Every structure is written in C-alpha cells, then in structure tokens.
Amino acid sequence: MSRRLLKAAEAIREVVASTILTEVRDPRVKDVTVIGVEVSPDMREAKVSVSVMGTENQQELAIRGLQNCAGFLQSKIANRIEARYTPKLTFKLDKGLQNALVVSELLNKIKQEKSGAGSPDIDALDQDGELDQDDSIDSPETSGDNVTPPRGDTQP
C-alpha cells in the first residue's frame, strides 16, 4: 500500500474513532473500538475493522448501528480529508482481540496443568471453563498456610 493510502487510512481511522466516541448518539453503538481501516486503491471504499465488547447480539446491533450512521461518518471524513472521493464506509467485526483472549486463557490453563500447583478441579469448572461462584479452590494464597507477610521498609 502506498504512503498516501496509509495516511488516508490513518486519518479515516482517527475521524471515525473520535466521531463514534463523541458524536454518535445511536444507543446500539456502544463499546466499539476502531481497530483499523483498509482503503481501496482508488479511495472509493474503506473497510473499517471494529471490535465490539459484548454478546453476539450486541455485536450485530452495533454493526447495524454503524452502517446506519455511515453517511454521517462519511461527511465528517469529507471535512477532514482533501480527496476527489469520499470513501464509502463498510464495517466489519474484527474478532482478533476476542481470539487473543481465548488463546491467552488456554495458555494459562496449560501452564497451570504443567506446573501442577493451583490447577482447578475439573468438577469445579462450569461449561465455559470458569469457576462457579460457590466453588472455591484452596491455594496457598487463600488457605492461610505458607502465607508470607508483605515486605516493608520498617522492621517490627
């Protein structure tokens, strides 16, 4: 991608992100983070990658809300960018952050299993792999055994 397209994509990302944060009043558009923008070589189209925190339903609603306010966002971009064409915005859901969280959780579980210490019982996990609220697992930090006092500058 040329330098000109990269600068345009970054300017579009900044305008869209700040406008969503400060000026979009659609209640469907909440917890939206603009990840990046891909601009076509002729600058007639721009794909805006967004991450939406929430359930699948909330994510779909946010994407629909963003598509509905695309014209408003395009007018903000036209005011900022000096170009022959104002790119037509399309929004796509970027699940990269969600995938990274899942991978991180899996790696932490593998690390706990390899170390053998503090690994939760399989029965204490619910279907999502999370601990139930009423289940507790004794670890040295919570059981009171082998607790080291906090370090401080003063001696008792």
N, C-alpha and C. Protein backbone atom coordinates (compact mmCIF):
# COMPACT_ATOMS: atom_id res chain seq x y z
N MET A 1 0.85 -1.18 0.00
CA MET A 1 0.00 0.00 0.00
C MET A 1 0.89 1.23 0.00
N SER A 2 0.48 2.22 -0.75
CA SER A 2 1.30 3.43 -0.87
C SER A 2 1.21 4.27 0.40
N ARG A 3 2.16 5.15 0.51
CA ARG A 3 2.21 6.04 1.68
C ARG A 3 0.95 6.90 1.76
N ARG A 4 0.49 7.36 0.60
CA ARG A 4 -0.71 8.20 0.54
C ARG A 4 -1.93 7.45 1.08
N LEU A 5 -2.08 6.18 0.69
CA LEU A 5 -3.21 5.39 1.17
C LEU A 5 -3.10 5.10 2.66
N LEU A 6 -1.88 4.87 3.13
CA LEU A 6 -1.68 4.63 4.56
C LEU A 6 -2.05 5.87 5.38
N LYS A 7 -1.65 7.05 4.90
CA LYS A 7 -2.00 8.29 5.60
C LYS A 7 -3.51 8.51 5.59
N ALA A 8 -4.14 8.23 4.46
CA ALA A 8 -5.59 8.39 4.35
C ALA A 8 -6.31 7.41 5.29
N ALA A 9 -5.83 6.18 5.32
CA ALA A 9 -6.45 5.18 6.19
C ALA A 9 -6.33 5.58 7.66
N GLU A 10 -5.16 6.09 8.04
CA GLU A 10 -4.98 6.52 9.44
C GLU A 10 -5.86 7.72 9.76
N ALA A 11 -5.99 8.66 8.84
CA ALA A 11 -6.85 9.83 9.06
C ALA A 11 -8.31 9.39 9.19
N ILE A 12 -8.73 8.45 8.35
CA ILE A 12 -10.10 7.93 8.42
C ILE A 12 -10.33 7.24 9.76
N ARG A 13 -9.35 6.45 10.18
CA ARG A 13 -9.48 5.75 11.47
C ARG A 13 -9.64 6.75 12.61
N GLU A 14 -8.83 7.80 12.61
CA GLU A 14 -8.92 8.81 13.67
C GLU A 14 -10.27 9.51 13.67
N VAL A 15 -10.74 9.90 12.50
CA VAL A 15 -12.02 10.61 12.41
C VAL A 15 -13.16 9.71 12.85
N VAL A 16 -13.18 8.48 12.36
CA VAL A 16 -14.27 7.55 12.72
C VAL A 16 -14.25 7.25 14.21
N ALA A 17 -13.06 6.98 14.76
CA ALA A 17 -12.97 6.65 16.19
C ALA A 17 -13.43 7.81 17.06
N SER A 18 -12.95 9.01 16.76
CA SER A 18 -13.33 10.15 17.60
C SER A 18 -14.80 10.51 17.44
N THR A 19 -15.33 10.37 16.23
CA THR A 19 -16.74 10.68 16.00
C THR A 19 -17.65 9.67 16.70
N ILE A 20 -17.28 8.39 16.64
CA ILE A 20 -18.07 7.37 17.35
C ILE A 20 -18.06 7.66 18.85
N LEU A 21 -16.92 8.05 19.35
CA LEU A 21 -16.79 8.28 20.78
C LEU A 21 -17.55 9.52 21.25
N THR A 22 -17.55 10.58 20.46
CA THR A 22 -18.08 11.86 20.94
C THR A 22 -19.40 12.29 20.33
N GLU A 23 -19.70 11.88 19.09
CA GLU A 23 -20.85 12.47 18.40
C GLU A 23 -21.96 11.51 18.02
N VAL A 24 -21.69 10.22 17.93
CA VAL A 24 -22.72 9.27 17.53
C VAL A 24 -23.64 9.03 18.73
N ARG A 25 -24.93 9.23 18.51
CA ARG A 25 -25.91 9.13 19.59
C ARG A 25 -26.74 7.86 19.53
N ASP A 26 -26.45 6.99 18.57
CA ASP A 26 -27.20 5.75 18.41
C ASP A 26 -26.93 4.83 19.61
N PRO A 27 -27.99 4.42 20.33
CA PRO A 27 -27.77 3.58 21.52
C PRO A 27 -27.21 2.19 21.19
N ARG A 28 -27.34 1.76 19.94
CA ARG A 28 -26.79 0.47 19.55
C ARG A 28 -25.26 0.51 19.46
N VAL A 29 -24.73 1.70 19.21
CA VAL A 29 -23.29 1.84 19.01
C VAL A 29 -22.65 2.17 20.36
N LYS A 30 -22.25 1.12 21.07
CA LYS A 30 -21.56 1.32 22.34
C LYS A 30 -20.50 0.24 22.49
N ASP A 31 -19.49 0.54 23.26
CA ASP A 31 -18.35 -0.37 23.48
C ASP A 31 -17.69 -0.76 22.16
N VAL A 32 -17.55 0.21 21.25
CA VAL A 32 -16.96 -0.02 19.94
C VAL A 32 -15.55 0.56 19.93
N THR A 33 -14.60 -0.24 19.45
CA THR A 33 -13.22 0.21 19.29
C THR A 33 -12.85 0.05 17.82
N VAL A 34 -12.35 1.13 17.22
CA VAL A 34 -11.92 1.06 15.83
C VAL A 34 -10.51 0.51 15.80
N ILE A 35 -10.34 -0.65 15.15
CA ILE A 35 -9.06 -1.34 15.10
C ILE A 35 -8.21 -0.83 13.95
N GLY A 36 -8.78 -0.72 12.78
CA GLY A 36 -8.02 -0.28 11.62
C GLY A 36 -8.93 0.00 10.44
N VAL A 37 -8.32 0.54 9.37
CA VAL A 37 -9.06 0.87 8.17
C VAL A 37 -8.26 0.39 6.96
N GLU A 38 -8.93 -0.26 6.03
CA GLU A 38 -8.33 -0.65 4.75
C GLU A 38 -9.00 0.19 3.67
N VAL A 39 -8.19 0.90 2.89
CA VAL A 39 -8.71 1.77 1.85
C VAL A 39 -8.41 1.14 0.49
N SER A 40 -9.39 1.17 -0.41
CA SER A 40 -9.16 0.65 -1.76
C SER A 40 -8.20 1.60 -2.49
N PRO A 41 -7.49 1.09 -3.50
CA PRO A 41 -6.51 1.93 -4.20
C PRO A 41 -7.10 3.20 -4.83
N ASP A 42 -8.36 3.15 -5.26
CA ASP A 42 -8.97 4.34 -5.85
C ASP A 42 -9.64 5.23 -4.80
N MET A 43 -9.55 4.86 -3.54
CA MET A 43 -10.10 5.60 -2.39
C MET A 43 -11.61 5.80 -2.46
N ARG A 44 -12.31 4.87 -3.13
CA ARG A 44 -13.77 4.96 -3.18
C ARG A 44 -14.43 4.13 -2.09
N GLU A 45 -13.68 3.20 -1.52
CA GLU A 45 -14.23 2.35 -0.47
C GLU A 45 -13.24 2.23 0.67
N ALA A 46 -13.77 2.11 1.87
CA ALA A 46 -12.93 1.90 3.06
C ALA A 46 -13.63 0.89 3.95
N LYS A 47 -12.89 -0.15 4.34
CA LYS A 47 -13.41 -1.14 5.28
C LYS A 47 -12.87 -0.80 6.66
N VAL A 48 -13.77 -0.55 7.58
CA VAL A 48 -13.41 -0.19 8.94
C VAL A 48 -13.55 -1.42 9.82
N SER A 49 -12.44 -1.87 10.39
CA SER A 49 -12.46 -3.01 11.31
C SER A 49 -12.72 -2.51 12.71
N VAL A 50 -13.75 -3.07 13.34
CA VAL A 50 -14.11 -2.65 14.69
C VAL A 50 -14.20 -3.86 15.60
N SER A 51 -13.95 -3.62 16.87
CA SER A 51 -14.13 -4.63 17.90
C SER A 51 -15.24 -4.13 18.81
N VAL A 52 -16.16 -5.03 19.12
CA VAL A 52 -17.30 -4.67 19.96
C VAL A 52 -17.32 -5.62 21.15
N MET A 53 -17.27 -5.07 22.35
CA MET A 53 -17.35 -5.89 23.55
C MET A 53 -18.82 -6.18 23.83
N GLY A 54 -19.11 -7.45 24.10
CA GLY A 54 -20.48 -7.82 24.41
C GLY A 54 -20.83 -9.14 23.76
N THR A 55 -22.10 -9.48 23.81
CA THR A 55 -22.57 -10.73 23.25
C THR A 55 -22.64 -10.64 21.73
N GLU A 56 -22.90 -11.76 21.08
CA GLU A 56 -23.04 -11.80 19.62
C GLU A 56 -24.16 -10.85 19.18
N ASN A 57 -25.26 -10.85 19.92
CA ASN A 57 -26.39 -9.99 19.58
C ASN A 57 -26.00 -8.51 19.67
N GLN A 58 -25.29 -8.14 20.72
CA GLN A 58 -24.85 -6.75 20.88
C GLN A 58 -23.88 -6.36 19.77
N GLN A 59 -23.03 -7.30 19.36
CA GLN A 59 -22.08 -7.02 18.29
C GLN A 59 -22.80 -6.77 16.97
N GLU A 60 -23.80 -7.61 16.67
CA GLU A 60 -24.58 -7.43 15.44
C GLU A 60 -25.34 -6.11 15.45
N LEU A 61 -25.92 -5.77 16.60
CA LEU A 61 -26.63 -4.49 16.71
C LEU A 61 -25.69 -3.32 16.50
N ALA A 62 -24.50 -3.39 17.06
CA ALA A 62 -23.53 -2.31 16.90
C ALA A 62 -23.12 -2.15 15.45
N ILE A 63 -22.91 -3.26 14.74
CA ILE A 63 -22.53 -3.18 13.32
C ILE A 63 -23.67 -2.56 12.51
N ARG A 64 -24.92 -2.95 12.80
CA ARG A 64 -26.07 -2.35 12.11
C ARG A 64 -26.17 -0.86 12.41
N GLY A 65 -25.94 -0.49 13.66
CA GLY A 65 -25.97 0.92 14.01
C GLY A 65 -24.88 1.71 13.31
N LEU A 66 -23.69 1.12 13.20
CA LEU A 66 -22.60 1.79 12.49
C LEU A 66 -22.93 1.94 11.00
N GLN A 67 -23.53 0.93 10.40
CA GLN A 67 -23.91 1.03 8.99
C GLN A 67 -24.96 2.13 8.79
N ASN A 68 -25.86 2.27 9.76
CA ASN A 68 -26.88 3.32 9.65
C ASN A 68 -26.29 4.72 9.76
N CYS A 69 -25.21 4.88 10.51
CA CYS A 69 -24.62 6.22 10.65
C CYS A 69 -23.40 6.40 9.75
N ALA A 70 -23.24 5.52 8.76
CA ALA A 70 -22.10 5.61 7.84
C ALA A 70 -22.09 6.93 7.08
N GLY A 71 -23.24 7.41 6.67
CA GLY A 71 -23.31 8.68 5.94
C GLY A 71 -22.83 9.84 6.79
N PHE A 72 -23.22 9.86 8.05
CA PHE A 72 -22.76 10.90 8.98
C PHE A 72 -21.24 10.84 9.13
N LEU A 73 -20.71 9.62 9.27
CA LEU A 73 -19.26 9.46 9.42
C LEU A 73 -18.54 9.87 8.14
N GLN A 74 -19.13 9.57 6.97
CA GLN A 74 -18.52 9.96 5.70
C GLN A 74 -18.47 11.47 5.57
N SER A 75 -19.49 12.17 6.05
CA SER A 75 -19.46 13.63 5.99
C SER A 75 -18.35 14.20 6.87
N LYS A 76 -18.12 13.58 8.03
CA LYS A 76 -17.02 14.00 8.90
C LYS A 76 -15.67 13.75 8.22
N ILE A 77 -15.56 12.63 7.51
CA ILE A 77 -14.32 12.32 6.80
C ILE A 77 -14.10 13.32 5.66
N ALA A 78 -15.17 13.67 4.95
CA ALA A 78 -15.06 14.63 3.84
C ALA A 78 -14.55 15.98 4.33
N ASN A 79 -14.92 16.38 5.53
CA ASN A 79 -14.43 17.65 6.09
C ASN A 79 -12.95 17.59 6.42
N ARG A 80 -12.45 16.39 6.71
CA ARG A 80 -11.07 16.24 7.16
C ARG A 80 -10.09 15.94 6.02
N ILE A 81 -10.51 15.14 5.05
CA ILE A 81 -9.60 14.68 4.01
C ILE A 81 -9.87 15.42 2.71
N GLU A 82 -8.80 15.94 2.13
CA GLU A 82 -8.88 16.58 0.82
C GLU A 82 -8.66 15.50 -0.23
N ALA A 83 -9.73 14.97 -0.80
CA ALA A 83 -9.62 13.92 -1.80
C ALA A 83 -10.73 14.11 -2.83
N ARG A 84 -10.51 13.50 -3.99
CA ARG A 84 -11.51 13.59 -5.05
C ARG A 84 -12.80 12.89 -4.62
N TYR A 85 -12.66 11.75 -3.93
CA TYR A 85 -13.81 10.97 -3.49
C TYR A 85 -13.76 10.81 -1.98
N THR A 86 -14.95 10.81 -1.41
CA THR A 86 -15.05 10.41 -0.01
C THR A 86 -15.36 8.92 0.00
N PRO A 87 -14.54 8.14 0.67
CA PRO A 87 -14.75 6.69 0.62
C PRO A 87 -16.07 6.26 1.25
N LYS A 88 -16.69 5.27 0.63
CA LYS A 88 -17.90 4.65 1.16
C LYS A 88 -17.46 3.69 2.27
N LEU A 89 -18.03 3.86 3.44
CA LEU A 89 -17.61 3.07 4.60
C LEU A 89 -18.41 1.78 4.71
N THR A 90 -17.70 0.69 4.97
CA THR A 90 -18.33 -0.56 5.37
C THR A 90 -17.64 -1.00 6.64
N PHE A 91 -18.40 -1.62 7.51
CA PHE A 91 -17.87 -2.02 8.81
C PHE A 91 -17.82 -3.54 8.90
N LYS A 92 -16.71 -4.03 9.42
CA LYS A 92 -16.60 -5.48 9.65
C LYS A 92 -16.11 -5.70 11.07
N LEU A 93 -16.62 -6.77 11.64
CA LEU A 93 -16.28 -7.12 13.02
C LEU A 93 -14.93 -7.82 13.04
N ASP A 94 -14.01 -7.29 13.83
CA ASP A 94 -12.68 -7.89 13.98
C ASP A 94 -12.68 -8.68 15.28
N LYS A 95 -12.54 -9.97 15.17
CA LYS A 95 -12.57 -10.83 16.36
C LYS A 95 -11.17 -11.15 16.85
N GLY A 96 -10.18 -10.41 16.40
CA GLY A 96 -8.81 -10.66 16.80
C GLY A 96 -8.58 -10.54 18.29
N LEU A 97 -9.16 -9.53 18.92
CA LEU A 97 -8.99 -9.36 20.37
C LEU A 97 -9.67 -10.49 21.14
N GLN A 98 -10.85 -10.89 20.69
CA GLN A 98 -11.55 -11.99 21.36
C GLN A 98 -10.77 -13.28 21.21
N ASN A 99 -10.22 -13.51 20.01
CA ASN A 99 -9.42 -14.72 19.79
C ASN A 99 -8.17 -14.69 20.64
N ALA A 100 -7.56 -13.53 20.80
CA ALA A 100 -6.36 -13.41 21.62
C ALA A 100 -6.68 -13.72 23.09
N LEU A 101 -7.83 -13.28 23.57
CA LEU A 101 -8.23 -13.59 24.95
C LEU A 101 -8.44 -15.08 25.15
N VAL A 102 -9.06 -15.74 24.17
CA VAL A 102 -9.29 -17.18 24.27
C VAL A 102 -7.96 -17.93 24.29
N VAL A 103 -7.04 -17.53 23.40
CA VAL A 103 -5.73 -18.18 23.35
C VAL A 103 -4.98 -17.96 24.66
N SER A 104 -5.07 -16.75 25.21
CA SER A 104 -4.41 -16.45 26.48
C SER A 104 -4.95 -17.32 27.61
N GLU A 105 -6.27 -17.49 27.65
CA GLU A 105 -6.87 -18.34 28.68
C GLU A 105 -6.41 -19.79 28.53
N LEU A 106 -6.36 -20.27 27.29
CA LEU A 106 -5.92 -21.64 27.05
C LEU A 106 -4.46 -21.83 27.47
N LEU A 107 -3.62 -20.85 27.15
CA LEU A 107 -2.22 -20.94 27.54
C LEU A 107 -2.05 -20.93 29.06
N ASN A 108 -2.86 -20.11 29.73
CA ASN A 108 -2.80 -20.09 31.20
C ASN A 108 -3.22 -21.43 31.79
N LYS A 109 -4.26 -22.06 31.21
CA LYS A 109 -4.70 -23.37 31.70
C LYS A 109 -3.61 -24.41 31.50
N ILE A 110 -2.97 -24.39 30.33
CA ILE A 110 -1.89 -25.34 30.05
C ILE A 110 -0.73 -25.11 31.01
N LYS A 111 -0.41 -23.86 31.27
CA LYS A 111 0.68 -23.54 32.20
C LYS A 111 0.37 -24.06 33.59
N GLN A 112 -0.88 -23.89 34.04
CA GLN A 112 -1.28 -24.38 35.36
C GLN A 112 -1.23 -25.90 35.41
N GLU A 113 -1.65 -26.55 34.34
CA GLU A 113 -1.62 -28.01 34.31
C GLU A 113 -0.19 -28.53 34.35
N LYS A 114 0.71 -27.86 33.65
CA LYS A 114 2.11 -28.30 33.64
C LYS A 114 2.77 -28.09 34.99
N SER A 115 2.46 -26.97 35.64
CA SER A 115 3.07 -26.71 36.94
C SER A 115 2.46 -27.61 38.02
N GLY A 116 1.22 -28.00 37.84
CA GLY A 116 0.56 -28.90 38.79
C GLY A 116 0.07 -28.20 40.03
N ALA A 117 0.55 -27.02 40.31
CA ALA A 117 0.14 -26.30 41.52
C ALA A 117 -1.00 -25.36 41.17
N GLY A 118 -2.00 -25.38 42.00
CA GLY A 118 -3.11 -24.43 41.84
C GLY A 118 -4.00 -24.75 40.66
N SER A 119 -3.90 -25.95 40.10
CA SER A 119 -4.78 -26.26 38.98
C SER A 119 -6.16 -26.59 39.51
N PRO A 120 -7.19 -26.00 38.93
CA PRO A 120 -8.53 -26.21 39.44
C PRO A 120 -9.02 -27.62 39.14
N ASP A 121 -9.91 -28.11 40.02
CA ASP A 121 -10.53 -29.40 39.78
C ASP A 121 -11.46 -29.27 38.59
N ILE A 122 -11.56 -30.31 37.81
CA ILE A 122 -12.44 -30.29 36.65
C ILE A 122 -13.89 -30.12 37.08
N ASP A 123 -14.26 -30.72 38.23
CA ASP A 123 -15.64 -30.61 38.70
C ASP A 123 -15.99 -29.19 39.11
N ALA A 124 -15.01 -28.39 39.49
CA ALA A 124 -15.29 -27.03 39.95
C ALA A 124 -15.49 -26.08 38.77
N LEU A 125 -15.20 -26.53 37.56
CA LEU A 125 -15.37 -25.67 36.40
C LEU A 125 -16.75 -25.88 35.80
N ASP A 126 -17.35 -24.79 35.33
CA ASP A 126 -18.62 -24.94 34.64
C ASP A 126 -18.35 -25.17 33.15
N GLN A 127 -19.36 -25.13 32.33
CA GLN A 127 -19.20 -25.44 30.92
C GLN A 127 -18.30 -24.45 30.20
N ASP A 128 -18.24 -23.21 30.64
CA ASP A 128 -17.42 -22.20 29.99
C ASP A 128 -15.97 -22.29 30.41
N GLY A 129 -15.64 -23.17 31.34
CA GLY A 129 -14.27 -23.26 31.81
C GLY A 129 -13.99 -22.28 32.94
N GLU A 130 -15.03 -21.63 33.44
CA GLU A 130 -14.88 -20.66 34.53
C GLU A 130 -15.27 -21.33 35.84
N LEU A 131 -14.75 -20.82 36.93
CA LEU A 131 -15.12 -21.32 38.25
C LEU A 131 -16.52 -20.87 38.59
N ASP A 132 -17.30 -21.76 39.16
CA ASP A 132 -18.60 -21.36 39.65
C ASP A 132 -18.40 -20.46 40.86
N GLN A 133 -19.37 -19.58 41.12
CA GLN A 133 -19.21 -18.64 42.22
C GLN A 133 -19.20 -19.33 43.58
N ASP A 134 -19.92 -20.43 43.71
CA ASP A 134 -19.98 -21.09 45.01
C ASP A 134 -18.83 -22.08 45.19
N ASP A 135 -18.07 -22.37 44.14
CA ASP A 135 -16.93 -23.27 44.25
C ASP A 135 -15.69 -22.46 44.60
N SER A 136 -14.89 -23.02 45.45
CA SER A 136 -13.63 -22.35 45.77
C SER A 136 -12.53 -23.39 45.76
N ILE A 137 -11.37 -22.94 45.39
CA ILE A 137 -10.22 -23.83 45.34
C ILE A 137 -9.19 -23.28 46.31
N ASP A 138 -8.76 -24.13 47.22
CA ASP A 138 -7.76 -23.69 48.18
C ASP A 138 -6.40 -23.61 47.51
N SER A 139 -5.79 -22.48 47.64
CA SER A 139 -4.43 -22.29 47.17
C SER A 139 -3.65 -21.69 48.33
N PRO A 140 -2.33 -21.69 48.28
CA PRO A 140 -1.56 -21.12 49.39
C PRO A 140 -1.93 -19.68 49.69
N GLU A 141 -2.40 -18.94 48.67
CA GLU A 141 -2.75 -17.54 48.92
C GLU A 141 -4.03 -17.40 49.72
N THR A 142 -4.98 -18.37 49.54
CA THR A 142 -6.28 -18.21 50.18
C THR A 142 -6.48 -19.09 51.39
N SER A 143 -5.68 -20.15 51.56
CA SER A 143 -5.95 -21.09 52.65
C SER A 143 -5.33 -20.66 53.97
N GLY A 144 -4.41 -19.71 53.94
CA GLY A 144 -3.80 -19.26 55.19
C GLY A 144 -2.50 -19.99 55.48
N ASP A 145 -2.21 -21.10 54.81
CA ASP A 145 -0.95 -21.81 55.00
C ASP A 145 0.14 -21.16 54.16
N ASN A 146 1.34 -21.16 54.71
CA ASN A 146 2.51 -20.66 53.99
C ASN A 146 2.33 -19.23 53.49
N VAL A 147 1.66 -18.40 54.25
CA VAL A 147 1.47 -17.02 53.85
C VAL A 147 2.66 -16.22 54.34
N THR A 148 3.30 -15.54 53.42
CA THR A 148 4.43 -14.70 53.80
C THR A 148 3.93 -13.29 54.02
N PRO A 149 4.40 -12.64 55.08
CA PRO A 149 3.94 -11.27 55.33
C PRO A 149 4.50 -10.34 54.26
N PRO A 150 3.80 -9.24 54.01
CA PRO A 150 4.27 -8.30 52.99
C PRO A 150 5.58 -7.65 53.44
N ARG A 151 6.41 -7.38 52.46
CA ARG A 151 7.69 -6.74 52.74
C ARG A 151 7.48 -5.25 52.93
N GLY A 152 8.23 -4.70 53.82
CA GLY A 152 8.12 -3.27 54.06
C GLY A 152 9.48 -2.71 54.45
N ASP A 153 9.58 -1.40 54.51
CA ASP A 153 10.83 -0.76 54.86
C ASP A 153 11.07 -0.79 56.36
N THR A 154 10.01 -0.94 57.15
CA THR A 154 10.16 -0.92 58.61
C THR A 154 10.19 -2.32 59.15
N GLN A 155 11.00 -2.55 60.15
CA GLN A 155 11.10 -3.84 60.81
C GLN A 155 10.25 -3.80 62.08
N PRO A 156 9.59 -4.90 62.49
CA PRO A 156 8.77 -4.87 63.69
C PRO A 156 9.59 -4.78 64.97
